[in-house]
Amino acid sequence: MDLTKLKQSVYRANMELIESGLVLFTFGNVSGIDRERALLVIKPSGVPYDALSPDNMVCVSLESGKVIVSELNPCSDTPTHLELYRTLPRCGGMVHTQSE
């Protein structure tokens, strides 16, 4: 998948969390993966939903966990997402919420 399209898809899914009332403040996130490039795209840490954009989604190496494309930090749940993607090779996306 094209990285730009993956970032847009992850952004839209994160926005659907807030629109659906599934998250409080900045708690909760969606990630997606490009298995061919071994890249995870995930919401940045601490960025309010109204300040999110496809461009500030964070790209992380599936192998090393290091940020590849972003000046922002990935959300604190990134290590969990990485481990699940490594363990579940058919998984293409994840959602984590902390709703009321």
N, C-alpha and C. Protein backbone atom coordinates (compact mmCIF):
# COMPACT_ATOMS: atom_id res chain seq x y z
N MET A 1 0.85 -1.19 0.00
CA MET A 1 0.00 0.00 0.00
C MET A 1 0.89 1.24 0.00
N ASP A 2 0.47 2.23 -0.71
CA ASP A 2 1.14 3.52 -0.74
C ASP A 2 1.13 4.12 0.67
N LEU A 3 2.28 4.63 1.13
CA LEU A 3 2.40 5.16 2.48
C LEU A 3 1.45 6.33 2.72
N THR A 4 1.27 7.18 1.73
CA THR A 4 0.35 8.31 1.87
C THR A 4 -1.07 7.82 2.10
N LYS A 5 -1.49 6.80 1.36
CA LYS A 5 -2.83 6.24 1.53
C LYS A 5 -2.99 5.58 2.89
N LEU A 6 -1.95 4.90 3.35
CA LEU A 6 -2.01 4.27 4.67
C LEU A 6 -2.14 5.32 5.76
N LYS A 7 -1.38 6.40 5.66
CA LYS A 7 -1.47 7.48 6.64
C LYS A 7 -2.87 8.11 6.63
N GLN A 8 -3.45 8.30 5.45
CA GLN A 8 -4.80 8.85 5.35
C GLN A 8 -5.82 7.90 5.98
N SER A 9 -5.67 6.62 5.72
CA SER A 9 -6.58 5.62 6.27
C SER A 9 -6.50 5.56 7.79
N VAL A 10 -5.29 5.57 8.33
CA VAL A 10 -5.11 5.55 9.79
C VAL A 10 -5.66 6.83 10.40
N TYR A 11 -5.42 7.96 9.77
CA TYR A 11 -5.97 9.24 10.25
C TYR A 11 -7.50 9.18 10.30
N ARG A 12 -8.12 8.75 9.21
CA ARG A 12 -9.59 8.69 9.15
C ARG A 12 -10.14 7.77 10.23
N ALA A 13 -9.50 6.64 10.44
CA ALA A 13 -9.96 5.70 11.45
C ALA A 13 -9.83 6.30 12.85
N ASN A 14 -8.76 7.04 13.10
CA ASN A 14 -8.61 7.71 14.39
C ASN A 14 -9.71 8.75 14.59
N MET A 15 -10.05 9.48 13.53
CA MET A 15 -11.10 10.48 13.64
C MET A 15 -12.46 9.83 13.89
N GLU A 16 -12.68 8.65 13.34
CA GLU A 16 -13.93 7.93 13.59
C GLU A 16 -14.05 7.53 15.06
N LEU A 17 -12.94 7.30 15.73
CA LEU A 17 -12.99 6.98 17.16
C LEU A 17 -13.59 8.14 17.94
N ILE A 18 -13.12 9.34 17.67
CA ILE A 18 -13.61 10.51 18.40
C ILE A 18 -15.05 10.82 18.00
N GLU A 19 -15.36 10.71 16.71
CA GLU A 19 -16.72 10.98 16.24
C GLU A 19 -17.73 9.99 16.82
N SER A 20 -17.29 8.79 17.10
CA SER A 20 -18.17 7.75 17.65
C SER A 20 -18.24 7.79 19.17
N GLY A 21 -17.47 8.68 19.81
CA GLY A 21 -17.48 8.77 21.26
C GLY A 21 -16.75 7.63 21.96
N LEU A 22 -15.81 7.01 21.26
CA LEU A 22 -15.11 5.86 21.83
C LEU A 22 -13.84 6.21 22.59
N VAL A 23 -13.44 7.49 22.58
CA VAL A 23 -12.22 7.89 23.28
C VAL A 23 -12.45 9.15 24.10
N LEU A 24 -11.62 9.32 25.11
CA LEU A 24 -11.60 10.52 25.93
C LEU A 24 -10.26 11.23 25.72
N PHE A 25 -10.29 12.54 25.61
CA PHE A 25 -9.09 13.35 25.46
C PHE A 25 -8.24 12.81 24.30
N THR A 26 -7.00 12.37 24.57
CA THR A 26 -6.15 11.79 23.52
C THR A 26 -5.98 10.29 23.73
N PHE A 27 -6.78 9.67 24.59
CA PHE A 27 -6.62 8.26 24.94
C PHE A 27 -7.30 7.37 23.90
N GLY A 28 -6.51 6.60 23.22
CA GLY A 28 -7.02 5.69 22.20
C GLY A 28 -6.33 5.95 20.89
N ASN A 29 -6.24 4.93 20.06
CA ASN A 29 -5.54 5.09 18.81
C ASN A 29 -5.84 3.95 17.86
N VAL A 30 -5.55 4.22 16.61
CA VAL A 30 -5.65 3.23 15.54
C VAL A 30 -4.29 3.16 14.87
N SER A 31 -3.92 1.97 14.45
CA SER A 31 -2.69 1.81 13.67
C SER A 31 -2.99 0.94 12.46
N GLY A 32 -2.12 1.03 11.48
CA GLY A 32 -2.19 0.20 10.29
C GLY A 32 -0.79 -0.19 9.89
N ILE A 33 -0.67 -1.21 9.06
CA ILE A 33 0.66 -1.72 8.72
C ILE A 33 0.82 -1.90 7.23
N ASP A 34 2.02 -1.62 6.76
CA ASP A 34 2.44 -1.92 5.41
C ASP A 34 3.45 -3.06 5.56
N ARG A 35 3.01 -4.27 5.35
CA ARG A 35 3.88 -5.43 5.57
C ARG A 35 5.00 -5.52 4.54
N GLU A 36 4.78 -5.05 3.32
CA GLU A 36 5.84 -5.09 2.30
C GLU A 36 7.03 -4.23 2.71
N ARG A 37 6.75 -3.09 3.31
CA ARG A 37 7.81 -2.18 3.76
C ARG A 37 8.16 -2.38 5.22
N ALA A 38 7.40 -3.22 5.93
CA ALA A 38 7.59 -3.47 7.36
C ALA A 38 7.49 -2.17 8.16
N LEU A 39 6.42 -1.38 7.84
CA LEU A 39 6.19 -0.11 8.52
C LEU A 39 4.82 -0.10 9.20
N LEU A 40 4.79 0.42 10.40
CA LEU A 40 3.56 0.64 11.16
C LEU A 40 3.27 2.13 11.12
N VAL A 41 2.01 2.50 10.91
CA VAL A 41 1.59 3.91 10.98
C VAL A 41 0.63 4.01 12.14
N ILE A 42 0.87 4.98 13.03
CA ILE A 42 0.08 5.11 14.25
C ILE A 42 -0.06 6.58 14.63
N LYS A 43 -1.06 6.87 15.44
CA LYS A 43 -1.33 8.23 15.92
C LYS A 43 -0.16 8.72 16.78
N PRO A 44 0.17 10.01 16.68
CA PRO A 44 1.23 10.56 17.52
C PRO A 44 0.78 10.69 18.98
N SER A 45 1.73 10.69 19.87
CA SER A 45 1.47 10.80 21.30
C SER A 45 1.03 12.20 21.69
N GLY A 46 -0.05 12.28 22.47
CA GLY A 46 -0.47 13.52 23.08
C GLY A 46 -1.02 14.59 22.17
N VAL A 47 -1.23 14.29 20.91
CA VAL A 47 -1.76 15.29 19.98
C VAL A 47 -3.28 15.24 20.03
N PRO A 48 -3.93 16.37 20.34
CA PRO A 48 -5.39 16.37 20.37
C PRO A 48 -5.98 15.99 19.01
N TYR A 49 -7.12 15.34 19.05
CA TYR A 49 -7.74 14.88 17.80
C TYR A 49 -8.00 16.02 16.83
N ASP A 50 -8.35 17.21 17.33
CA ASP A 50 -8.63 18.32 16.41
C ASP A 50 -7.36 18.88 15.76
N ALA A 51 -6.20 18.43 16.21
CA ALA A 51 -4.93 18.86 15.61
C ALA A 51 -4.31 17.77 14.73
N LEU A 52 -4.97 16.63 14.63
CA LEU A 52 -4.44 15.53 13.81
C LEU A 52 -4.62 15.82 12.33
N SER A 53 -3.72 15.23 11.55
CA SER A 53 -3.84 15.26 10.09
C SER A 53 -3.14 14.00 9.57
N PRO A 54 -3.41 13.62 8.33
CA PRO A 54 -2.69 12.47 7.77
C PRO A 54 -1.17 12.66 7.82
N ASP A 55 -0.72 13.91 7.65
CA ASP A 55 0.71 14.17 7.63
C ASP A 55 1.40 13.96 8.96
N ASN A 56 0.67 14.07 10.09
CA ASN A 56 1.36 13.87 11.36
C ASN A 56 1.18 12.48 11.96
N MET A 57 0.66 11.54 11.17
CA MET A 57 0.68 10.15 11.60
C MET A 57 2.14 9.68 11.61
N VAL A 58 2.51 8.86 12.56
CA VAL A 58 3.91 8.48 12.76
C VAL A 58 4.20 7.12 12.13
N CYS A 59 5.28 7.04 11.36
CA CYS A 59 5.72 5.78 10.75
C CYS A 59 6.83 5.18 11.60
N VAL A 60 6.68 3.89 11.91
CA VAL A 60 7.61 3.20 12.79
C VAL A 60 8.04 1.90 12.11
N SER A 61 9.31 1.53 12.26
CA SER A 61 9.81 0.28 11.73
C SER A 61 9.22 -0.89 12.51
N LEU A 62 8.65 -1.85 11.80
CA LEU A 62 8.11 -3.04 12.45
C LEU A 62 9.22 -3.84 13.12
N GLU A 63 10.39 -3.85 12.53
CA GLU A 63 11.50 -4.63 13.06
C GLU A 63 12.14 -3.98 14.28
N SER A 64 12.49 -2.72 14.18
CA SER A 64 13.24 -2.06 15.26
C SER A 64 12.39 -1.26 16.23
N GLY A 65 11.20 -0.85 15.80
CA GLY A 65 10.36 0.01 16.64
C GLY A 65 10.77 1.47 16.59
N LYS A 66 11.74 1.81 15.75
CA LYS A 66 12.21 3.19 15.66
C LYS A 66 11.36 4.00 14.71
N VAL A 67 11.20 5.28 15.04
CA VAL A 67 10.45 6.20 14.18
C VAL A 67 11.21 6.38 12.88
N ILE A 68 10.49 6.24 11.77
CA ILE A 68 11.09 6.36 10.44
C ILE A 68 10.77 7.72 9.83
N VAL A 69 9.50 8.11 9.86
CA VAL A 69 9.07 9.34 9.21
C VAL A 69 8.19 10.12 10.16
N SER A 70 8.78 11.03 10.93
CA SER A 70 8.00 11.93 11.78
C SER A 70 8.93 12.67 12.73
N GLU A 71 8.54 13.87 13.07
CA GLU A 71 9.23 14.60 14.13
C GLU A 71 8.48 14.41 15.44
N LEU A 72 7.32 13.76 15.38
CA LEU A 72 6.51 13.50 16.58
C LEU A 72 6.81 12.11 17.12
N ASN A 73 6.47 11.91 18.37
CA ASN A 73 6.62 10.59 18.98
C ASN A 73 5.36 9.77 18.72
N PRO A 74 5.53 8.46 18.53
CA PRO A 74 4.34 7.62 18.40
C PRO A 74 3.65 7.47 19.75
N CYS A 75 2.39 7.09 19.74
CA CYS A 75 1.65 6.94 20.99
C CYS A 75 2.32 5.89 21.88
N SER A 76 2.03 5.96 23.17
CA SER A 76 2.66 5.07 24.15
C SER A 76 2.26 3.60 23.97
N ASP A 77 1.22 3.33 23.21
CA ASP A 77 0.80 1.95 22.96
C ASP A 77 1.54 1.30 21.80
N THR A 78 2.45 2.01 21.18
CA THR A 78 3.16 1.49 20.01
C THR A 78 3.85 0.16 20.28
N PRO A 79 4.56 -0.03 21.41
CA PRO A 79 5.19 -1.33 21.64
C PRO A 79 4.19 -2.50 21.64
N THR A 80 3.01 -2.28 22.16
CA THR A 80 1.98 -3.32 22.16
C THR A 80 1.52 -3.61 20.74
N HIS A 81 1.26 -2.55 19.97
CA HIS A 81 0.85 -2.73 18.57
C HIS A 81 1.93 -3.49 17.79
N LEU A 82 3.19 -3.10 17.99
CA LEU A 82 4.29 -3.77 17.30
C LEU A 82 4.33 -5.25 17.62
N GLU A 83 4.23 -5.58 18.88
CA GLU A 83 4.29 -6.98 19.28
C GLU A 83 3.13 -7.78 18.69
N LEU A 84 1.94 -7.19 18.69
CA LEU A 84 0.79 -7.88 18.11
C LEU A 84 0.95 -8.07 16.60
N TYR A 85 1.44 -7.06 15.90
CA TYR A 85 1.66 -7.20 14.46
C TYR A 85 2.71 -8.28 14.17
N ARG A 86 3.74 -8.33 15.01
CA ARG A 86 4.79 -9.35 14.81
C ARG A 86 4.23 -10.75 15.06
N THR A 87 3.33 -10.87 16.01
CA THR A 87 2.77 -12.17 16.41
C THR A 87 1.63 -12.60 15.48
N LEU A 88 0.90 -11.63 14.93
CA LEU A 88 -0.28 -11.90 14.10
C LEU A 88 -0.03 -11.43 12.67
N PRO A 89 0.65 -12.24 11.86
CA PRO A 89 1.06 -11.79 10.53
C PRO A 89 -0.08 -11.46 9.56
N ARG A 90 -1.29 -11.88 9.86
CA ARG A 90 -2.41 -11.56 8.96
C ARG A 90 -3.15 -10.30 9.39
N CYS A 91 -2.80 -9.76 10.54
CA CYS A 91 -3.45 -8.55 11.07
C CYS A 91 -3.00 -7.35 10.25
N GLY A 92 -3.97 -6.53 9.81
CA GLY A 92 -3.65 -5.35 9.00
C GLY A 92 -3.92 -4.03 9.68
N GLY A 93 -4.58 -4.07 10.85
CA GLY A 93 -4.89 -2.84 11.56
C GLY A 93 -5.33 -3.14 12.98
N MET A 94 -5.18 -2.16 13.86
CA MET A 94 -5.57 -2.31 15.26
C MET A 94 -6.23 -1.05 15.79
N VAL A 95 -7.13 -1.26 16.75
CA VAL A 95 -7.79 -0.15 17.43
C VAL A 95 -7.67 -0.40 18.91
N HIS A 96 -7.32 0.66 19.64
CA HIS A 96 -7.24 0.59 21.10
C HIS A 96 -7.96 1.83 21.66
N THR A 97 -8.95 1.61 22.49
CA THR A 97 -9.65 2.75 23.07
C THR A 97 -9.67 2.66 24.59
N GLN A 98 -9.83 3.81 25.21
CA GLN A 98 -10.04 3.91 26.65
C GLN A 98 -11.25 4.80 26.85
N SER A 99 -12.40 4.23 26.62
CA SER A 99 -13.64 5.01 26.69
C SER A 99 -14.22 4.92 28.10
N GLU A 100 -15.23 5.75 28.33
CA GLU A 100 -15.91 5.76 29.64
C GLU A 100 -16.61 4.46 29.89
